[in-house]
Amino acid sequence: MQELEVAVDAARRGGAIVRKYFKGDYEVHEKAPDNPLTIADTEADAAIKACVLEAFPDDGWLSEETRDSPARLAKSRVWIVDPLDGTKEFVQNIPEFCVCVAFVVDGVVQVGVCYNPVEEKLFAAARGQGTTLNGAPVRCTPTTALATATVLASRSEVKRGEWKDYETLMNVKPTGSVAYKFALISAGEYDATFSLTPKNEWDICAGTMLVEEAGGVVTDRYGRPLTFNNEKTLLPGLIATGAALYGPVRDCIQRVSGE
């Protein structure tokens, strides 16, 4: 599948730039409070965009680091990119981040690639073709019991106390990058993640494909299926788990949050 090949190539090109700057000397700017931006983000974005649009010049484009254009809304085929998800971890020299490239048709993700260039982990999936880690097939865990599950949590959310009510109900592991959490879950390394905080499409689009093709389930925090390339890119939280654990996680969120 050409789109998958291009997504992998683009992620590797972006990842090479990210790896070059990791633990290096660069300036950190604040796009907003607790939202850093580095030259690694912007250079990787440019490299990915050039790679993708050279192959598919008529496709739409949505990226965290590119000024958004309403032109994408009229496109059936759209690429959704986060050139460096986990910039906070990146600037702290914590290797929990990844380059994310996703391809969407009519709002439904068809290809997802997440690449951690420091750990040399490339997760890739295309609809109907399964998920791979460095070329080898992977699957979500078959875990059914929430009490024994390891659930990945946002470091920022843990620091803000948003996971306090869940810490006695499951094994909570603070981990960087929403997209990298999805990737690790797709590979069966951990069982689930969720967030009650809104996330942007570029944070989770590629990872959604990884989890779904690895036999898992991804919804928004209310259990609704996700669509992409929306006018408003902010989605109301998320749940991503292996299929057998989805019900217990959703029930737990409802019970604790009173939804």
C-alpha atoms as a PDB file:
ATOM      1  CA  MET A   1       0.000   0.000   0.000  1.00  0.00           C
ATOM      2  CA  GLN A   2       1.618   3.204  -1.182  1.00  0.00           C
ATOM      3  CA  GLU A   3       0.113   5.373   1.560  1.00  0.00           C
ATOM      4  CA  LEU A   4       1.584   3.119   4.241  1.00  0.00           C
ATOM      5  CA  GLU A   5       4.986   3.169   2.549  1.00  0.00           C
ATOM      6  CA  VAL A   6       4.912   6.964   2.333  1.00  0.00           C
ATOM      7  CA  ALA A   7       3.795   7.280   5.958  1.00  0.00           C
ATOM      8  CA  VAL A   8       6.689   5.088   7.118  1.00  0.00           C
ATOM      9  CA  ASP A   9       9.177   7.027   4.986  1.00  0.00           C
ATOM     10  CA  ALA A  10       7.848  10.361   6.251  1.00  0.00           C
ATOM     11  CA  ALA A  11       7.963   9.228   9.883  1.00  0.00           C
ATOM     12  CA  ARG A  12      11.540   8.051   9.489  1.00  0.00           C
ATOM     13  CA  ARG A  13      12.571  11.364   7.935  1.00  0.00           C
ATOM     14  CA  GLY A  14      10.930  13.293  10.750  1.00  0.00           C
ATOM     15  CA  GLY A  15      12.404  10.918  13.288  1.00  0.00           C
ATOM     16  CA  ALA A  16      15.937  11.450  11.998  1.00  0.00           C
ATOM     17  CA  ILE A  17      15.550  15.159  12.701  1.00  0.00           C
ATOM     18  CA  VAL A  18      14.109  14.550  16.170  1.00  0.00           C
ATOM     19  CA  ARG A  19      16.939  12.134  16.998  1.00  0.00           C
ATOM     20  CA  LYS A  20      19.523  14.693  15.842  1.00  0.00           C
ATOM     21  CA  TYR A  21      18.301  17.253  18.380  1.00  0.00           C
ATOM     22  CA  PHE A  22      17.621  14.878  21.292  1.00  0.00           C
ATOM     23  CA  LYS A  23      19.855  15.794  24.246  1.00  0.00           C
ATOM     24  CA  GLY A  24      21.282  18.582  22.097  1.00  0.00           C
ATOM     25  CA  ASP A  25      21.412  22.365  22.389  1.00  0.00           C
ATOM     26  CA  TYR A  26      18.279  24.171  21.177  1.00  0.00           C
ATOM     27  CA  GLU A  27      15.854  26.862  22.304  1.00  0.00           C
ATOM     28  CA  VAL A  28      12.507  25.983  23.825  1.00  0.00           C
ATOM     29  CA  HIS A  29       9.564  28.291  23.167  1.00  0.00           C
ATOM     30  CA  GLU A  30       6.146  28.199  24.821  1.00  0.00           C
ATOM     31  CA  LYS A  31       3.234  28.127  22.376  1.00  0.00           C
ATOM     32  CA  ALA A  32       1.003  28.208  25.452  1.00  0.00           C
ATOM     33  CA  PRO A  33       1.457  27.394  29.137  1.00  0.00           C
ATOM     34  CA  ASP A  34       2.870  23.866  29.486  1.00  0.00           C
ATOM     35  CA  ASN A  35       3.015  23.505  25.682  1.00  0.00           C
ATOM     36  CA  PRO A  36       6.636  23.740  24.527  1.00  0.00           C
ATOM     37  CA  LEU A  37       7.870  24.050  20.946  1.00  0.00           C
ATOM     38  CA  THR A  38      11.369  23.300  19.640  1.00  0.00           C
ATOM     39  CA  ILE A  39      13.199  23.390  16.335  1.00  0.00           C
ATOM     40  CA  ALA A  40      12.840  19.597  16.279  1.00  0.00           C
ATOM     41  CA  ASP A  41       9.053  20.015  16.036  1.00  0.00           C
ATOM     42  CA  THR A  42       9.149  22.513  13.186  1.00  0.00           C
ATOM     43  CA  GLU A  43      11.939  20.921  11.136  1.00  0.00           C
ATOM     44  CA  ALA A  44      10.363  17.474  11.423  1.00  0.00           C
ATOM     45  CA  ASP A  45       7.015  18.922  10.365  1.00  0.00           C
ATOM     46  CA  ALA A  46       8.532  20.444   7.235  1.00  0.00           C
ATOM     47  CA  ALA A  47      10.302  17.202   6.312  1.00  0.00           C
ATOM     48  CA  ILE A  48       7.158  15.105   6.773  1.00  0.00           C
ATOM     49  CA  LYS A  49       5.005  17.532   4.797  1.00  0.00           C
ATOM     50  CA  ALA A  50       7.465  17.591   1.904  1.00  0.00           C
ATOM     51  CA  CYS A  51       7.593  13.789   1.790  1.00  0.00           C
ATOM     52  CA  VAL A  52       3.815  13.318   1.922  1.00  0.00           C
ATOM     53  CA  LEU A  53       2.773  16.056  -0.476  1.00  0.00           C
ATOM     54  CA  GLU A  54       5.426  15.087  -3.004  1.00  0.00           C
ATOM     55  CA  ALA A  55       3.746  11.702  -3.233  1.00  0.00           C
ATOM     56  CA  PHE A  56       0.150  12.936  -2.904  1.00  0.00           C
ATOM     57  CA  PRO A  57       0.037  16.640  -3.875  1.00  0.00           C
ATOM     58  CA  ASP A  58      -3.766  16.827  -3.988  1.00  0.00           C
ATOM     59  CA  ASP A  59      -4.377  15.440  -0.502  1.00  0.00           C
ATOM     60  CA  GLY A  60      -5.375  17.541   2.499  1.00  0.00           C
ATOM     61  CA  TRP A  61      -3.057  18.312   5.400  1.00  0.00           C
ATOM     62  CA  LEU A  62      -3.594  18.794   9.142  1.00  0.00           C
ATOM     63  CA  SER A  63      -0.622  19.106  11.482  1.00  0.00           C
ATOM     64  CA  GLU A  64      -0.052  20.489  14.949  1.00  0.00           C
ATOM     65  CA  GLU A  65       2.813  22.629  13.666  1.00  0.00           C
ATOM     66  CA  THR A  66       1.254  23.922  10.429  1.00  0.00           C
ATOM     67  CA  ARG A  67      -1.246  26.782  10.319  1.00  0.00           C
ATOM     68  CA  ASP A  68      -4.602  25.129   9.706  1.00  0.00           C
ATOM     69  CA  SER A  69      -6.497  25.765   6.481  1.00  0.00           C
ATOM     70  CA  PRO A  70     -10.210  25.094   5.899  1.00  0.00           C
ATOM     71  CA  ALA A  71      -9.249  23.690   2.490  1.00  0.00           C
ATOM     72  CA  ARG A  72      -8.721  20.282   4.111  1.00  0.00           C
ATOM     73  CA  LEU A  73     -12.427  20.066   4.997  1.00  0.00           C
ATOM     74  CA  ALA A  74     -13.318  19.727   1.325  1.00  0.00           C
ATOM     75  CA  LYS A  75     -10.864  16.878   0.837  1.00  0.00           C
ATOM     76  CA  SER A  76     -11.754  13.190   1.009  1.00  0.00           C
ATOM     77  CA  ARG A  77      -8.100  12.205   1.563  1.00  0.00           C
ATOM     78  CA  VAL A  78      -6.287  13.956   4.402  1.00  0.00           C
ATOM     79  CA  TRP A  79      -2.986  13.421   6.238  1.00  0.00           C
ATOM     80  CA  ILE A  80      -2.998  14.118   9.983  1.00  0.00           C
ATOM     81  CA  VAL A  81       0.419  14.614  11.561  1.00  0.00           C
ATOM     82  CA  ASP A  82       2.109  15.367  14.843  1.00  0.00           C
ATOM     83  CA  PRO A  83       5.823  15.717  14.077  1.00  0.00           C
ATOM     84  CA  LEU A  84       6.773  15.300  17.743  1.00  0.00           C
ATOM     85  CA  ASP A  85       4.166  14.108  20.200  1.00  0.00           C
ATOM     86  CA  GLY A  86       5.640  14.311  23.670  1.00  0.00           C
ATOM     87  CA  THR A  87       7.696  17.498  23.362  1.00  0.00           C
ATOM     88  CA  LYS A  88       7.628  17.925  27.154  1.00  0.00           C
ATOM     89  CA  GLU A  89       9.390  14.578  27.554  1.00  0.00           C
ATOM     90  CA  PHE A  90      11.723  15.405  24.664  1.00  0.00           C
ATOM     91  CA  VAL A  91      13.012  18.572  26.346  1.00  0.00           C
ATOM     92  CA  GLN A  92      13.451  16.666  29.625  1.00  0.00           C
ATOM     93  CA  ASN A  93      15.552  14.002  27.840  1.00  0.00           C
ATOM     94  CA  ILE A  94      12.941  11.317  28.555  1.00  0.00           C
ATOM     95  CA  PRO A  95      12.664   9.025  25.498  1.00  0.00           C
ATOM     96  CA  GLU A  96       8.866   8.776  25.597  1.00  0.00           C
ATOM     97  CA  PHE A  97       7.793  10.589  22.442  1.00  0.00           C
ATOM     98  CA  CYS A  98       7.123   9.769  18.832  1.00  0.00           C
ATOM     99  CA  VAL A  99       6.585  11.074  15.318  1.00  0.00           C
ATOM    100  CA  CYS A 100       3.004  10.472  14.165  1.00  0.00           C
ATOM    101  CA  VAL A 101       1.768  10.207  10.574  1.00  0.00           C
ATOM    102  CA  ALA A 102      -1.808   9.179   9.763  1.00  0.00           C
ATOM    103  CA  PHE A 103      -3.852   8.978   6.572  1.00  0.00           C
ATOM    104  CA  VAL A 104      -7.627   9.457   6.655  1.00  0.00           C
ATOM    105  CA  VAL A 105     -10.338   8.909   4.026  1.00  0.00           C
ATOM    106  CA  ASP A 106     -13.755  10.480   4.572  1.00  0.00           C
ATOM    107  CA  GLY A 107     -13.078  10.888   8.284  1.00  0.00           C
ATOM    108  CA  VAL A 108     -11.940   7.295   8.873  1.00  0.00           C
ATOM    109  CA  VAL A 109      -8.276   6.579   9.582  1.00  0.00           C
ATOM    110  CA  GLN A 110      -6.732   4.128   7.103  1.00  0.00           C
ATOM    111  CA  VAL A 111      -3.006   4.265   7.940  1.00  0.00           C
ATOM    112  CA  GLY A 112      -1.166   5.057  11.158  1.00  0.00           C
ATOM    113  CA  VAL A 113       2.557   5.201  11.919  1.00  0.00           C
ATOM    114  CA  CYS A 114       4.174   6.149  15.233  1.00  0.00           C
ATOM    115  CA  TYR A 115       7.963   6.206  15.345  1.00  0.00           C
ATOM    116  CA  ASN A 116      10.158   6.624  18.415  1.00  0.00           C
ATOM    117  CA  PRO A 117      13.553   7.376  16.841  1.00  0.00           C
ATOM    118  CA  VAL A 118      15.515   7.140  20.094  1.00  0.00           C
ATOM    119  CA  GLU A 119      14.133   3.760  21.124  1.00  0.00           C
ATOM    120  CA  GLU A 120      14.149   2.694  17.446  1.00  0.00           C
ATOM    121  CA  LYS A 121      10.547   1.514  17.622  1.00  0.00           C
ATOM    122  CA  LEU A 122       8.443   1.914  14.496  1.00  0.00           C
ATOM    123  CA  PHE A 123       4.782   0.997  14.921  1.00  0.00           C
ATOM    124  CA  ALA A 124       2.752   0.802  11.703  1.00  0.00           C
ATOM    125  CA  ALA A 125      -0.743  -0.236  10.675  1.00  0.00           C
ATOM    126  CA  ALA A 126      -3.067  -0.099   7.684  1.00  0.00           C
ATOM    127  CA  ARG A 127      -6.748  -0.961   7.792  1.00  0.00           C
ATOM    128  CA  GLY A 128      -7.252  -4.673   7.411  1.00  0.00           C
ATOM    129  CA  GLN A 129      -3.527  -5.429   7.522  1.00  0.00           C
ATOM    130  CA  GLY A 130      -2.803  -5.593  11.260  1.00  0.00           C
ATOM    131  CA  THR A 131      -0.222  -3.721  13.321  1.00  0.00           C
ATOM    132  CA  THR A 132       3.534  -4.250  13.331  1.00  0.00           C
ATOM    133  CA  LEU A 133       6.431  -3.170  15.527  1.00  0.00           C
ATOM    134  CA  ASN A 134       9.643  -3.009  13.507  1.00  0.00           C
ATOM    135  CA  GLY A 135       7.992  -5.283  10.957  1.00  0.00           C
ATOM    136  CA  ALA A 136       6.795  -7.989  13.366  1.00  0.00           C
ATOM    137  CA  PRO A 137       3.037  -8.451  14.015  1.00  0.00           C
ATOM    138  CA  VAL A 138       1.798  -7.313  17.434  1.00  0.00           C
ATOM    139  CA  ARG A 139      -1.504  -7.504  19.332  1.00  0.00           C
ATOM    140  CA  CYS A 140      -3.141  -5.833  22.319  1.00  0.00           C
ATOM    141  CA  THR A 141      -3.167  -7.799  25.550  1.00  0.00           C
ATOM    142  CA  PRO A 142      -6.090 -10.141  26.382  1.00  0.00           C
ATOM    143  CA  THR A 143      -6.325  -8.723  29.904  1.00  0.00           C
ATOM    144  CA  THR A 144      -9.872  -8.699  31.310  1.00  0.00           C
ATOM    145  CA  ALA A 145      -9.390  -7.661  34.952  1.00  0.00           C
ATOM    146  CA  LEU A 146      -8.901  -3.980  35.638  1.00  0.00           C
ATOM    147  CA  ALA A 147      -7.353  -4.686  39.048  1.00  0.00           C
ATOM    148  CA  THR A 148      -4.381  -6.423  37.413  1.00  0.00           C
ATOM    149  CA  ALA A 149      -4.145  -4.134  34.371  1.00  0.00           C
ATOM    150  CA  THR A 150      -1.374  -1.599  33.853  1.00  0.00           C
ATOM    151  CA  VAL A 151      -2.925   1.629  32.586  1.00  0.00           C
ATOM    152  CA  LEU A 152      -0.768   4.369  31.111  1.00  0.00           C
ATOM    153  CA  ALA A 153      -1.489   7.879  32.395  1.00  0.00           C
ATOM    154  CA  SER A 154      -0.410  11.357  31.380  1.00  0.00           C
ATOM    155  CA  ARG A 155       2.357  12.648  33.612  1.00  0.00           C
ATOM    156  CA  SER A 156       0.739  16.090  33.615  1.00  0.00           C
ATOM    157  CA  GLU A 157      -2.633  14.661  34.594  1.00  0.00           C
ATOM    158  CA  VAL A 158      -1.073  12.627  37.408  1.00  0.00           C
ATOM    159  CA  LYS A 159       0.693  15.730  38.732  1.00  0.00           C
ATOM    160  CA  ARG A 160      -2.611  17.616  38.665  1.00  0.00           C
ATOM    161  CA  GLY A 161      -4.229  14.871  40.745  1.00  0.00           C
ATOM    162  CA  GLU A 162      -6.607  13.730  37.994  1.00  0.00           C
ATOM    163  CA  TRP A 163      -5.704  10.057  38.522  1.00  0.00           C
ATOM    164  CA  LYS A 164      -5.929   9.992  42.319  1.00  0.00           C
ATOM    165  CA  ASP A 165      -9.320   8.235  42.366  1.00  0.00           C
ATOM    166  CA  TYR A 166      -8.090   5.549  39.950  1.00  0.00           C
ATOM    167  CA  GLU A 167      -4.779   4.638  41.557  1.00  0.00           C
ATOM    168  CA  THR A 168      -6.320   2.085  43.944  1.00  0.00           C
ATOM    169  CA  LEU A 169      -8.375   0.476  41.157  1.00  0.00           C
ATOM    170  CA  MET A 170      -5.591  -0.352  38.686  1.00  0.00           C
ATOM    171  CA  ASN A 171      -1.834  -0.136  38.202  1.00  0.00           C
ATOM    172  CA  VAL A 172      -1.264   3.426  36.983  1.00  0.00           C
ATOM    173  CA  LYS A 173       1.975   4.139  35.128  1.00  0.00           C
ATOM    174  CA  PRO A 174       2.784   7.778  34.217  1.00  0.00           C
ATOM    175  CA  THR A 175       4.096   7.857  30.645  1.00  0.00           C
ATOM    176  CA  GLY A 176       4.818  10.579  28.096  1.00  0.00           C
ATOM    177  CA  SER A 177       3.058  11.235  24.776  1.00  0.00           C
ATOM    178  CA  VAL A 178      -0.530  10.259  24.102  1.00  0.00           C
ATOM    179  CA  ALA A 179       0.482   8.716  20.787  1.00  0.00           C
ATOM    180  CA  TYR A 180       3.280   6.682  22.344  1.00  0.00           C
ATOM    181  CA  LYS A 181       0.849   5.310  24.931  1.00  0.00           C
ATOM    182  CA  PHE A 182      -1.397   4.107  22.112  1.00  0.00           C
ATOM    183  CA  ALA A 183       1.569   2.542  20.349  1.00  0.00           C
ATOM    184  CA  LEU A 184       2.727   0.676  23.453  1.00  0.00           C
ATOM    185  CA  ILE A 185      -0.793  -0.629  24.015  1.00  0.00           C
ATOM    186  CA  SER A 186      -1.040  -1.805  20.403  1.00  0.00           C
ATOM    187  CA  ALA A 187       2.153  -3.806  20.923  1.00  0.00           C
ATOM    188  CA  GLY A 188       0.786  -5.522  24.030  1.00  0.00           C
ATOM    189  CA  GLU A 189       3.335  -3.900  26.325  1.00  0.00           C
ATOM    190  CA  TYR A 190       0.607  -2.339  28.484  1.00  0.00           C
ATOM    191  CA  ASP A 191      -3.133  -2.796  28.774  1.00  0.00           C
ATOM    192  CA  ALA A 192      -4.923   0.528  28.411  1.00  0.00           C
ATOM    193  CA  THR A 193      -4.911   4.290  28.578  1.00  0.00           C
ATOM    194  CA  PHE A 194      -7.582   6.909  28.967  1.00  0.00           C
ATOM    195  CA  SER A 195      -7.898  10.628  29.490  1.00  0.00           C
ATOM    196  CA  LEU A 196     -10.819  12.776  30.516  1.00  0.00           C
ATOM    197  CA  THR A 197      -8.995  15.829  29.159  1.00  0.00           C
ATOM    198  CA  PRO A 198      -9.676  16.936  25.546  1.00  0.00           C
ATOM    199  CA  LYS A 199      -7.073  15.883  22.982  1.00  0.00           C
ATOM    200  CA  ASN A 200      -6.444  17.034  19.428  1.00  0.00           C
ATOM    201  CA  GLU A 201      -6.888  14.788  16.418  1.00  0.00           C
ATOM    202  CA  TRP A 202      -3.172  14.788  15.647  1.00  0.00           C
ATOM    203  CA  ASP A 203      -2.451  13.410  19.126  1.00  0.00           C
ATOM    204  CA  ILE A 204      -4.425  10.213  18.589  1.00  0.00           C
ATOM    205  CA  CYS A 205      -5.205   9.641  14.907  1.00  0.00           C
ATOM    206  CA  ALA A 206      -2.198   7.452  14.060  1.00  0.00           C
ATOM    207  CA  GLY A 207      -2.397   5.641  17.389  1.00  0.00           C
ATOM    208  CA  THR A 208      -6.073   4.870  16.860  1.00  0.00           C
ATOM    209  CA  MET A 209      -5.197   2.883  13.758  1.00  0.00           C
ATOM    210  CA  LEU A 210      -2.461   1.016  15.629  1.00  0.00           C
ATOM    211  CA  VAL A 211      -4.742  -0.024  18.487  1.00  0.00           C
ATOM    212  CA  GLU A 212      -7.698  -0.961  16.306  1.00  0.00           C
ATOM    213  CA  GLU A 213      -5.621  -3.084  13.944  1.00  0.00           C
ATOM    214  CA  ALA A 214      -4.008  -4.782  16.962  1.00  0.00           C
ATOM    215  CA  GLY A 215      -7.423  -5.956  18.128  1.00  0.00           C
ATOM    216  CA  GLY A 216      -8.156  -3.110  20.507  1.00  0.00           C
ATOM    217  CA  VAL A 217     -10.878  -0.507  20.901  1.00  0.00           C
ATOM    218  CA  VAL A 218     -10.610   3.297  20.783  1.00  0.00           C
ATOM    219  CA  THR A 219     -13.434   5.737  21.565  1.00  0.00           C
ATOM    220  CA  ASP A 220     -13.844   9.170  23.046  1.00  0.00           C
ATOM    221  CA  ARG A 221     -14.312   9.332  26.824  1.00  0.00           C
ATOM    222  CA  TYR A 222     -18.068   8.829  26.436  1.00  0.00           C
ATOM    223  CA  GLY A 223     -17.730   5.645  24.392  1.00  0.00           C
ATOM    224  CA  ARG A 224     -18.432   7.227  21.017  1.00  0.00           C
ATOM    225  CA  PRO A 225     -16.442   6.221  17.918  1.00  0.00           C
ATOM    226  CA  LEU A 226     -13.907   8.733  16.623  1.00  0.00           C
ATOM    227  CA  THR A 227     -13.966  10.544  13.299  1.00  0.00           C
ATOM    228  CA  PHE A 228     -11.167  12.710  11.959  1.00  0.00           C
ATOM    229  CA  ASN A 229     -10.652  15.804   9.787  1.00  0.00           C
ATOM    230  CA  ASN A 230     -13.326  17.700  11.676  1.00  0.00           C
ATOM    231  CA  GLU A 231     -13.619  21.478  11.600  1.00  0.00           C
ATOM    232  CA  LYS A 232     -12.910  21.519  15.333  1.00  0.00           C
ATOM    233  CA  THR A 233      -9.950  19.238  15.950  1.00  0.00           C
ATOM    234  CA  LEU A 234     -10.352  18.925  19.725  1.00  0.00           C
ATOM    235  CA  LEU A 235     -11.862  15.612  20.855  1.00  0.00           C
ATOM    236  CA  PRO A 236     -13.446  15.132  24.332  1.00  0.00           C
ATOM    237  CA  GLY A 237     -10.962  12.751  25.899  1.00  0.00           C
ATOM    238  CA  LEU A 238     -10.305   9.148  24.949  1.00  0.00           C
ATOM    239  CA  ILE A 239     -10.241   5.481  25.901  1.00  0.00           C
ATOM    240  CA  ALA A 240      -7.855   2.985  24.258  1.00  0.00           C
ATOM    241  CA  THR A 241      -7.665  -0.620  25.438  1.00  0.00           C
ATOM    242  CA  GLY A 242      -7.481  -4.220  24.406  1.00  0.00           C
ATOM    243  CA  ALA A 243     -10.970  -5.390  23.437  1.00  0.00           C
ATOM    244  CA  ALA A 244     -11.576  -7.479  26.560  1.00  0.00           C
ATOM    245  CA  LEU A 245     -10.719  -4.609  28.910  1.00  0.00           C
ATOM    246  CA  TYR A 246     -12.767  -1.890  27.226  1.00  0.00           C
ATOM    247  CA  GLY A 247     -15.987  -2.548  29.155  1.00  0.00           C
ATOM    248  CA  PRO A 248     -14.334  -2.587  32.585  1.00  0.00           C
ATOM    249  CA  VAL A 249     -12.436   0.640  31.830  1.00  0.00           C
ATOM    250  CA  ARG A 250     -15.525   2.440  30.523  1.00  0.00           C
ATOM    251  CA  ASP A 251     -17.602   1.280  33.508  1.00  0.00           C
ATOM    252  CA  CYS A 252     -14.893   2.428  35.897  1.00  0.00           C
ATOM    253  CA  ILE A 253     -14.754   5.895  34.348  1.00  0.00           C
ATOM    254  CA  GLN A 254     -18.525   6.226  34.541  1.00  0.00           C
ATOM    255  CA  ARG A 255     -18.571   5.132  38.161  1.00  0.00           C
ATOM    256  CA  VAL A 256     -15.710   7.341  39.344  1.00  0.00           C
ATOM    257  CA  SER A 257     -16.618  10.442  37.338  1.00  0.00           C
ATOM    258  CA  GLY A 258     -20.349  10.090  37.907  1.00  0.00           C
ATOM    259  CA  GLU A 259     -21.156  10.262  34.202  1.00  0.00           C
END
